Amino acid sequence: MKELKVGIIGATGYGGLELIRFLHNHPEVEHIELFTSSSAGETFSTRFGHLVSIHDKPLNEINVDTLSTFDVVFTSTPSGVTSELLPPLVGVGPKLIDLSGDYRLQDPSSYEKWYKKKPAPLEIIQQSVYGLTEWNEKNIKEASVIANPGCYPTAVLLSILPLIKNELIDPNYLVIDAKSGISGAGIKPSQTTHFSEANENLSIYKINQHQHIPEIEQAIEMFAGAKTNITFNTHLVPMTRGILSTTYAPVHAGVTNKQLTECLIETYRDHPFVRVISEASAVGTNRVKGSNFCDIHVKLDERTNRATIVGVIDNLVKGAAGQAIQNMNVQMNLPQTSGLHVVPLFI
């Protein structure tokens, strides 16, 4: 049994808190330390009362020499932080798993365009591996830097990649409608996430401008060999967590609903966290809440010859911390389910 020493930079965000929750129950993790750039010395549980007697240790100042002694370092920070923070840690010891968007896009100019921030050094970006676990396990295993996918791309890509790769749907006319709980906006409050603004309100944001657009397009080309421009829009739903993505795609001539469903089942037969759901009534965010599952449902509209493809995840788990730990498990030659096989919080 390997006893892992794990560091978390950015533990005070929602993604970082979920990393703590799962890692504390991971059978192979012996030691967890939390690092901060602003609150060193503060006892963590005084800020987050649910961790009293679970993590009462003080936050540590970020130090490369200290972090180099760890087996794994997770960075769960806002975009634009790890582009400068991670490079000194590359190749000095720990496996690095980044939950921000700083290493997902292979083209630095694309990152600068969509994120409006300075990109990470090109040589580090070129070393990073896109951590969509079910589709990139071999490369993840050998990576020194893992770019954990975004929450929306995870739900979208897991649901449509098999159908594109097997040439069942036309990738040139993808329209994707995605909805997320408020926690996807992060822990820092804003007018958009203020209770009186978000409650009893469904809103669309970043119309045709969401930074996950190039990430989804890049992954479709990477894993399914298709270059495409997608229509992708996102909405905030007045709930805490969860993502439901709905993709509308033309099917190729003669394709049946049975073929679509069987393609998904066959693709994910040996992947423990992807569930293909046959009945639409059994699909919903409360079916995956608090878990690392991705549920997928597909239905062919024979009248329009278009498929409706649904992907559902918990944005903080499969869309962030859970997938990051799944990637750590792959790197450490552990079962992918280690520390993650929990029952969803249905209510």
Protein backbone atom coordinates (compact mmCIF):
# COMPACT_ATOMS: atom_id res chain seq x y z
CA MET A 1 0.00 0.00 0.00
CA LYS A 2 1.38 3.39 -1.04
CA GLU A 3 0.94 6.16 1.53
CA LEU A 4 0.62 9.36 -0.46
CA LYS A 5 1.63 12.80 0.71
CA VAL A 6 -0.69 15.33 -0.95
CA GLY A 7 -0.62 19.12 -1.10
CA ILE A 8 -3.52 21.38 -2.09
CA ILE A 9 -3.01 24.95 -3.26
CA GLY A 10 -6.28 26.86 -3.27
CA ALA A 11 -8.13 24.79 -0.68
CA THR A 12 -10.41 27.68 0.29
CA GLY A 13 -12.48 27.44 -2.92
CA TYR A 14 -15.33 25.02 -3.52
CA GLY A 15 -13.17 22.72 -5.64
CA GLY A 16 -10.47 22.69 -2.97
CA LEU A 17 -13.02 21.86 -0.26
CA GLU A 18 -14.22 18.89 -2.31
CA LEU A 19 -10.62 17.72 -2.73
CA ILE A 20 -10.29 17.72 1.06
CA ARG A 21 -13.57 15.83 1.50
CA PHE A 22 -12.60 13.00 -0.83
CA LEU A 23 -8.90 12.83 0.00
CA HIS A 24 -9.64 12.46 3.71
CA ASN A 25 -11.50 9.25 2.84
CA HIS A 26 -8.91 8.00 0.33
CA PRO A 27 -7.36 4.73 1.53
CA GLU A 28 -3.92 5.52 0.06
CA VAL A 29 -3.58 9.15 1.21
CA GLU A 30 -1.67 9.42 4.46
CA HIS A 31 -0.95 13.13 4.71
CA ILE A 32 -2.72 16.27 3.44
CA GLU A 33 -1.30 19.79 3.68
CA LEU A 34 -3.03 22.98 2.56
CA PHE A 35 -1.16 25.93 1.05
CA THR A 36 -2.17 29.55 0.55
CA SER A 37 -0.73 32.78 -0.84
CA SER A 38 -2.67 35.03 1.55
CA SER A 39 -3.71 33.35 4.81
CA ALA A 40 -0.64 31.43 6.05
CA GLY A 41 -0.91 30.46 9.70
CA GLU A 42 -4.69 30.60 9.84
CA THR A 43 -6.27 27.43 11.25
CA PHE A 44 -8.32 26.06 8.38
CA SER A 45 -11.26 24.78 10.42
CA THR A 46 -11.87 28.22 11.93
CA ARG A 47 -12.93 29.36 8.46
CA PHE A 48 -14.81 26.21 7.51
CA GLY A 49 -16.61 24.86 10.55
CA HIS A 50 -17.58 21.57 8.93
CA LEU A 51 -13.90 20.59 9.15
CA VAL A 52 -13.53 21.01 12.92
CA SER A 53 -11.63 17.99 14.31
CA ILE A 54 -11.09 16.86 10.69
CA HIS A 55 -8.57 19.44 9.49
CA ASP A 56 -7.55 21.74 12.34
CA LYS A 57 -4.05 22.40 11.00
CA PRO A 58 -2.87 25.87 9.91
CA LEU A 59 -2.58 26.89 6.28
CA ASN A 60 0.98 26.82 4.94
CA GLU A 61 2.78 29.43 2.89
CA ILE A 62 3.50 28.34 -0.68
CA ASN A 63 7.11 27.18 -0.85
CA VAL A 64 8.63 25.30 -3.78
CA ASP A 65 11.18 23.46 -1.64
CA THR A 66 8.46 22.21 0.69
CA LEU A 67 6.08 21.25 -2.11
CA SER A 68 8.82 19.37 -3.95
CA THR A 69 8.72 16.71 -1.21
CA PHE A 70 5.07 15.82 -1.92
CA ASP A 71 3.84 12.97 -4.14
CA VAL A 72 0.97 14.98 -5.63
CA VAL A 73 0.11 18.68 -5.64
CA PHE A 74 -3.37 19.83 -6.65
CA THR A 75 -3.87 23.46 -7.65
CA SER A 76 -7.45 24.66 -7.35
CA THR A 77 -7.10 28.35 -8.05
CA PRO A 78 -8.78 30.90 -10.32
CA SER A 79 -7.50 30.99 -13.90
CA GLY A 80 -4.37 33.07 -14.37
CA VAL A 81 -2.72 32.02 -11.11
CA THR A 82 -1.08 28.69 -11.88
CA SER A 83 0.38 29.96 -15.15
CA GLU A 84 3.01 31.58 -12.93
CA LEU A 85 2.75 29.35 -9.86
CA LEU A 86 3.29 25.91 -11.39
CA PRO A 87 6.37 26.24 -13.65
CA PRO A 88 8.90 26.18 -10.75
CA LEU A 89 7.34 22.90 -9.55
CA VAL A 90 7.48 21.09 -12.89
CA GLY A 91 9.99 18.26 -12.83
CA VAL A 92 11.10 18.78 -9.22
CA GLY A 93 9.20 15.86 -7.70
CA PRO A 94 5.43 15.89 -7.33
CA LYS A 95 2.80 15.05 -9.90
CA LEU A 96 0.91 18.27 -10.65
CA ILE A 97 -2.84 18.31 -11.23
CA ASP A 98 -4.22 21.73 -12.15
CA LEU A 99 -7.95 22.40 -11.79
CA SER A 100 -7.81 25.89 -13.31
CA GLY A 101 -7.95 26.51 -17.05
CA ASP A 102 -4.34 27.60 -17.44
CA TYR A 103 -2.99 24.44 -19.11
CA ARG A 104 -6.01 23.09 -21.00
CA LEU A 105 -5.55 24.95 -24.28
CA GLN A 106 -2.50 23.95 -26.30
CA ASP A 107 -2.44 27.28 -28.18
CA PRO A 108 -1.32 30.13 -25.87
CA SER A 109 -2.88 32.74 -28.15
CA SER A 110 -6.24 30.96 -27.86
CA TYR A 111 -5.94 31.06 -24.05
CA GLU A 112 -5.14 34.77 -24.16
CA LYS A 113 -8.13 35.41 -26.45
CA TRP A 114 -10.73 33.48 -24.43
CA TYR A 115 -9.46 33.94 -20.87
CA LYS A 116 -8.14 37.52 -21.28
CA LYS A 117 -5.06 36.60 -19.25
CA LYS A 118 -1.36 36.00 -19.86
CA PRO A 119 -0.75 32.36 -20.85
CA ALA A 120 1.58 29.93 -19.11
CA PRO A 121 5.02 29.30 -20.63
CA LEU A 122 4.72 27.36 -23.89
CA GLU A 123 7.19 24.67 -22.82
CA ILE A 124 5.03 23.85 -19.78
CA ILE A 125 1.80 23.87 -21.80
CA GLN A 126 3.41 21.40 -24.23
CA GLN A 127 4.20 19.06 -21.32
CA SER A 128 0.66 19.14 -19.95
CA VAL A 129 -1.82 16.34 -20.60
CA TYR A 130 -5.56 16.90 -20.87
CA GLY A 131 -7.06 14.91 -18.00
CA LEU A 132 -10.33 13.59 -19.42
CA THR A 133 -9.75 10.30 -17.64
CA GLU A 134 -11.96 7.99 -19.69
CA TRP A 135 -10.36 9.15 -22.95
CA ASN A 136 -6.73 9.83 -22.09
CA GLU A 137 -5.71 7.28 -19.45
CA LYS A 138 -2.47 6.19 -21.13
CA ASN A 139 -1.09 9.73 -21.41
CA ILE A 140 -2.33 10.70 -17.94
CA LYS A 141 -0.36 7.84 -16.42
CA GLU A 142 2.95 9.29 -17.62
CA ALA A 143 2.20 13.01 -17.26
CA SER A 144 4.04 15.39 -14.96
CA VAL A 145 1.36 18.08 -15.41
CA ILE A 146 -2.33 17.26 -15.81
CA ALA A 147 -4.77 19.89 -17.03
CA ASN A 148 -8.01 18.84 -15.36
CA PRO A 149 -10.92 19.50 -17.76
CA GLY A 150 -13.50 22.16 -17.15
CA CYS A 151 -16.86 21.21 -15.65
CA TYR A 152 -18.97 21.97 -18.73
CA PRO A 153 -16.54 20.25 -21.13
CA THR A 154 -16.55 17.11 -18.98
CA ALA A 155 -20.33 16.72 -19.22
CA VAL A 156 -20.40 17.61 -22.91
CA LEU A 157 -17.42 15.58 -24.09
CA LEU A 158 -18.21 12.36 -22.26
CA SER A 159 -21.69 12.40 -23.77
CA ILE A 160 -20.85 13.18 -27.41
CA LEU A 161 -17.31 11.92 -28.12
CA PRO A 162 -18.30 8.25 -28.69
CA LEU A 163 -21.01 9.27 -31.16
CA ILE A 164 -18.67 11.54 -33.13
CA LYS A 165 -15.79 9.07 -33.14
CA ASN A 166 -18.05 6.29 -34.43
CA GLU A 167 -19.52 8.61 -37.08
CA LEU A 168 -23.08 8.37 -35.83
CA ILE A 169 -23.65 12.12 -35.50
CA ASP A 170 -22.48 15.05 -37.62
CA PRO A 171 -20.02 17.18 -35.60
CA ASN A 172 -20.41 20.17 -37.92
CA TYR A 173 -23.80 21.20 -36.56
CA LEU A 174 -23.54 20.77 -32.79
CA VAL A 175 -25.76 23.01 -30.67
CA ILE A 176 -25.06 22.65 -26.95
CA ASP A 177 -27.25 24.07 -24.21
CA ALA A 178 -25.75 23.72 -20.72
CA LYS A 179 -27.02 24.65 -17.27
CA SER A 180 -25.08 24.88 -14.01
CA GLY A 181 -25.66 25.44 -10.32
CA ILE A 182 -24.33 28.63 -8.75
CA SER A 183 -21.25 26.96 -7.22
CA GLY A 184 -19.79 26.84 -10.73
CA ALA A 185 -19.15 30.58 -10.39
CA GLY A 186 -16.77 29.95 -7.48
CA ILE A 187 -16.72 30.95 -3.83
CA LYS A 188 -16.12 34.67 -4.35
CA PRO A 189 -19.49 36.45 -4.21
CA SER A 190 -20.74 38.69 -7.01
CA GLN A 191 -23.95 40.39 -8.01
CA THR A 192 -24.78 37.44 -10.27
CA THR A 193 -24.44 34.93 -7.45
CA HIS A 194 -26.07 37.11 -4.76
CA PHE A 195 -29.07 35.21 -3.33
CA SER A 196 -31.59 37.88 -4.24
CA GLU A 197 -30.27 37.92 -7.83
CA ALA A 198 -29.95 34.15 -8.32
CA ASN A 199 -32.97 32.86 -6.41
CA GLU A 200 -36.09 32.25 -8.53
CA ASN A 201 -34.07 33.24 -11.61
CA LEU A 202 -32.77 31.37 -14.65
CA SER A 203 -30.21 33.37 -16.63
CA ILE A 204 -27.94 32.97 -19.62
CA TYR A 205 -24.39 34.33 -19.55
CA LYS A 206 -21.33 34.69 -21.81
CA ILE A 207 -23.46 34.20 -24.91
CA ASN A 208 -21.27 32.62 -27.61
CA GLN A 209 -18.21 33.73 -25.62
CA HIS A 210 -17.68 31.07 -22.95
CA GLN A 211 -14.02 30.12 -22.43
CA HIS A 212 -14.93 26.42 -22.56
CA ILE A 213 -15.80 26.65 -26.28
CA PRO A 214 -12.19 26.24 -27.54
CA GLU A 215 -11.58 23.52 -24.95
CA ILE A 216 -14.50 21.45 -26.23
CA GLU A 217 -13.51 21.98 -29.87
CA GLN A 218 -9.89 21.07 -29.13
CA ALA A 219 -10.92 17.84 -27.38
CA ILE A 220 -13.29 16.81 -30.18
CA GLU A 221 -10.39 17.07 -32.61
CA MET A 222 -7.97 15.38 -30.20
CA PHE A 223 -10.10 12.35 -29.35
CA ALA A 224 -12.56 12.01 -32.24
CA GLY A 225 -10.50 13.43 -35.11
CA ALA A 226 -13.09 16.01 -36.14
CA LYS A 227 -12.49 19.74 -36.55
CA THR A 228 -15.63 21.71 -35.82
CA ASN A 229 -17.09 24.97 -34.58
CA ILE A 230 -19.77 24.47 -31.96
CA THR A 231 -22.63 26.62 -30.75
CA PHE A 232 -22.36 26.51 -26.95
CA ASN A 233 -24.24 28.52 -24.38
CA THR A 234 -24.49 28.36 -20.62
CA HIS A 235 -27.13 29.19 -18.02
CA LEU A 236 -27.20 29.63 -14.25
CA VAL A 237 -29.89 27.69 -12.40
CA PRO A 238 -30.91 28.61 -8.82
CA MET A 239 -29.42 25.52 -7.20
CA THR A 240 -26.07 24.94 -5.52
CA ARG A 241 -24.42 22.26 -7.64
CA GLY A 242 -24.86 20.18 -10.77
CA ILE A 243 -24.54 20.50 -14.54
CA LEU A 244 -26.89 19.25 -17.22
CA SER A 245 -25.75 19.63 -20.82
CA THR A 246 -28.04 19.01 -23.76
CA THR A 247 -26.48 18.59 -27.20
CA TYR A 248 -28.52 18.61 -30.40
CA ALA A 249 -26.83 16.90 -33.34
CA PRO A 250 -27.91 15.63 -36.78
CA VAL A 251 -27.44 11.88 -37.18
CA HIS A 252 -25.99 10.26 -40.28
CA ALA A 253 -28.34 8.46 -42.68
CA GLY A 254 -29.78 5.23 -41.34
CA VAL A 255 -28.59 5.67 -37.75
CA THR A 256 -31.06 4.33 -35.17
CA ASN A 257 -31.66 5.12 -31.51
CA LYS A 258 -30.46 1.61 -30.66
CA GLN A 259 -27.12 2.26 -32.38
CA LEU A 260 -26.64 5.50 -30.49
CA THR A 261 -27.35 3.90 -27.13
CA GLU A 262 -25.27 0.79 -27.80
CA CYS A 263 -22.32 2.95 -28.90
CA LEU A 264 -22.35 4.73 -25.53
CA ILE A 265 -22.75 1.49 -23.59
CA GLU A 266 -19.90 -0.21 -25.44
CA THR A 267 -17.57 2.79 -25.11
CA TYR A 268 -17.99 3.05 -21.35
CA ARG A 269 -18.46 -0.63 -20.50
CA ASP A 270 -15.25 -0.73 -18.45
CA HIS A 271 -15.41 2.79 -17.04
CA PRO A 272 -16.86 2.82 -13.52
CA PHE A 273 -18.00 6.43 -13.37
CA VAL A 274 -19.98 6.71 -16.61
CA ARG A 275 -23.56 5.42 -16.54
CA VAL A 276 -25.72 5.20 -19.67
CA ILE A 277 -29.29 5.80 -18.56
CA SER A 278 -32.10 4.33 -20.68
CA GLU A 279 -35.02 6.33 -19.29
CA ALA A 280 -35.06 10.13 -19.45
CA SER A 281 -37.08 10.26 -16.24
CA ALA A 282 -34.10 8.79 -14.38
CA VAL A 283 -31.73 11.56 -15.51
CA GLY A 284 -31.16 14.58 -13.30
CA THR A 285 -28.61 16.46 -11.25
CA ASN A 286 -29.87 14.90 -8.01
CA ARG A 287 -28.93 11.47 -9.39
CA VAL A 288 -25.23 12.40 -9.39
CA LYS A 289 -25.04 15.03 -6.63
CA GLY A 290 -21.94 14.70 -4.47
CA SER A 291 -20.56 11.85 -6.60
CA ASN A 292 -18.06 11.29 -9.40
CA PHE A 293 -20.64 9.83 -11.78
CA CYS A 294 -21.49 11.14 -15.23
CA ASP A 295 -24.93 10.03 -16.42
CA ILE A 296 -25.68 10.03 -20.16
CA HIS A 297 -28.94 9.66 -22.05
CA VAL A 298 -29.56 9.82 -25.80
CA LYS A 299 -32.79 9.98 -27.76
CA LEU A 300 -33.24 10.14 -31.54
CA ASP A 301 -35.95 12.38 -32.94
CA GLU A 302 -36.90 10.50 -36.09
CA ARG A 303 -39.05 13.41 -37.28
CA THR A 304 -36.09 15.82 -37.50
CA ASN A 305 -33.31 13.20 -37.76
CA ARG A 306 -31.54 14.83 -34.83
CA ALA A 307 -30.25 13.26 -31.64
CA THR A 308 -30.71 14.83 -28.21
CA ILE A 309 -27.74 13.87 -26.03
CA VAL A 310 -27.80 14.62 -22.32
CA GLY A 311 -24.81 14.60 -19.94
CA VAL A 312 -25.21 15.15 -16.20
CA ILE A 313 -22.48 15.62 -13.57
CA ASP A 314 -21.80 17.26 -10.24
CA ASN A 315 -19.73 20.25 -11.33
CA LEU A 316 -17.62 20.18 -8.14
CA VAL A 317 -16.87 16.45 -8.27
CA LYS A 318 -16.73 14.86 -11.74
CA GLY A 319 -16.37 18.42 -13.05
CA ALA A 320 -13.47 19.25 -10.74
CA ALA A 321 -12.17 17.51 -7.59
CA GLY A 322 -13.42 14.00 -8.29
CA GLN A 323 -11.96 13.84 -11.78
CA ALA A 324 -8.69 15.27 -10.43
CA ILE A 325 -8.47 12.46 -7.85
CA GLN A 326 -9.46 9.94 -10.52
CA ASN A 327 -6.46 11.19 -12.51
CA MET A 328 -4.24 10.89 -9.45
CA ASN A 329 -5.38 7.29 -9.06
CA VAL A 330 -4.41 6.55 -12.66
CA GLN A 331 -0.98 8.12 -12.15
CA MET A 332 -0.36 6.13 -8.97
CA ASN A 333 -1.54 2.81 -10.47
CA LEU A 334 -4.49 2.68 -8.09
CA PRO A 335 -8.06 1.64 -8.92
CA GLN A 336 -9.83 4.64 -10.42
CA THR A 337 -12.54 4.27 -7.79
CA SER A 338 -10.15 4.65 -4.83
CA GLY A 339 -11.62 7.23 -2.47
CA LEU A 340 -14.37 8.08 -4.95
CA HIS A 341 -16.92 5.27 -4.90
CA VAL A 342 -19.63 7.09 -2.95
CA VAL A 343 -23.40 6.99 -3.29
CA PRO A 344 -24.88 10.21 -4.73
CA LEU A 345 -26.78 12.53 -2.37
CA PHE A 346 -30.23 12.01 -3.88
CA ILE A 347 -31.93 14.46 -1.52
